[in-house]
């Protein structure tokens, strides 16, 4: 794991990025350093036929659900 410092997520919010380099992908997590809330995840495939493919999820809000479905 590498702490890469301040970055902006897909919504333009500033956060701290953590990078995990795995066997087939590099995963990036962006967290709000004041609250610890996860702002974004991004995974970049580093091996195989999908090399370079990026999957990103930006969390605009999170919290308990009133109901499921």
Protein backbone atom coordinates (compact mmCIF):
# COMPACT_ATOMS: atom_id res chain seq x y z
CA UNK A 1 0.00 0.00 0.00
CA UNK A 2 1.18 3.49 -0.87
CA UNK A 3 -0.20 6.76 0.45
CA UNK A 4 -0.01 9.11 -2.52
CA UNK A 5 -1.45 12.21 -0.92
CA UNK A 6 -4.06 14.73 -1.97
CA UNK A 7 -6.10 14.03 -5.14
CA UNK A 8 -9.51 14.97 -6.51
CA UNK A 9 -12.23 12.39 -7.08
CA UNK A 10 -14.60 12.29 -10.06
CA UNK A 11 -16.88 14.81 -8.34
CA UNK A 12 -14.02 17.26 -7.74
CA UNK A 13 -13.73 16.67 -3.99
CA UNK A 14 -10.29 16.61 -2.39
CA UNK A 15 -9.24 13.44 -0.62
CA UNK A 16 -6.25 11.30 0.27
CA UNK A 17 -5.41 8.47 -2.13
CA UNK A 18 -4.27 5.01 -1.08
CA UNK A 19 -2.89 2.71 -3.79
CA UNK A 20 -2.76 -1.09 -3.59
CA UNK A 21 -0.73 -2.86 -6.27
CA UNK A 22 -2.01 -6.40 -6.81
CA UNK A 23 -1.14 -9.24 -9.18
CA UNK A 24 -3.67 -8.27 -11.89
CA UNK A 25 -4.83 -4.77 -10.95
CA UNK A 26 -3.89 -1.59 -9.15
CA UNK A 27 -6.62 -0.33 -6.84
CA UNK A 28 -6.99 3.29 -5.79
CA UNK A 29 -9.10 4.44 -2.83
CA UNK A 30 -9.87 8.10 -2.21
CA UNK A 31 -10.93 8.92 1.34
CA UNK A 32 -11.85 12.15 3.07
CA UNK A 33 -8.96 12.63 5.55
CA UNK A 34 -11.15 14.47 8.08
CA UNK A 35 -14.01 11.95 8.25
CA UNK A 36 -12.55 8.71 6.87
CA UNK A 37 -15.48 8.47 4.43
CA UNK A 38 -14.75 6.58 1.21
CA UNK A 39 -15.21 8.98 -1.71
CA UNK A 40 -14.14 6.87 -4.69
CA UNK A 41 -12.65 3.55 -5.78
CA UNK A 42 -10.79 2.98 -9.02
CA UNK A 43 -9.29 -0.24 -10.31
CA UNK A 44 -6.89 -0.38 -13.26
CA UNK A 45 -6.27 -3.80 -14.81
CA UNK A 46 -2.54 -4.40 -15.30
CA UNK A 47 -2.47 -7.87 -16.92
CA UNK A 48 -4.18 -9.85 -19.63
CA UNK A 49 -6.50 -8.85 -22.46
CA UNK A 50 -8.20 -6.17 -20.34
CA UNK A 51 -4.91 -4.43 -19.50
CA UNK A 52 -5.53 -0.70 -19.02
CA UNK A 53 -9.27 -1.10 -18.35
CA UNK A 54 -10.45 1.27 -15.62
CA UNK A 55 -13.42 0.68 -13.33
CA UNK A 56 -14.39 3.65 -11.17
CA UNK A 57 -17.11 4.18 -8.57
CA UNK A 58 -17.66 7.63 -7.05
CA UNK A 59 -19.77 7.71 -3.88
CA UNK A 60 -21.80 10.93 -3.71
CA UNK A 61 -23.58 9.95 -0.50
CA UNK A 62 -23.76 7.02 1.87
CA UNK A 63 -25.75 6.11 4.91
CA UNK A 64 -28.39 3.76 6.25
CA UNK A 65 -31.26 2.78 3.95
CA UNK A 66 -34.91 3.29 4.87
CA UNK A 67 -35.75 0.08 3.00
CA UNK A 68 -34.33 -2.36 0.49
CA UNK A 69 -35.84 -2.45 -2.99
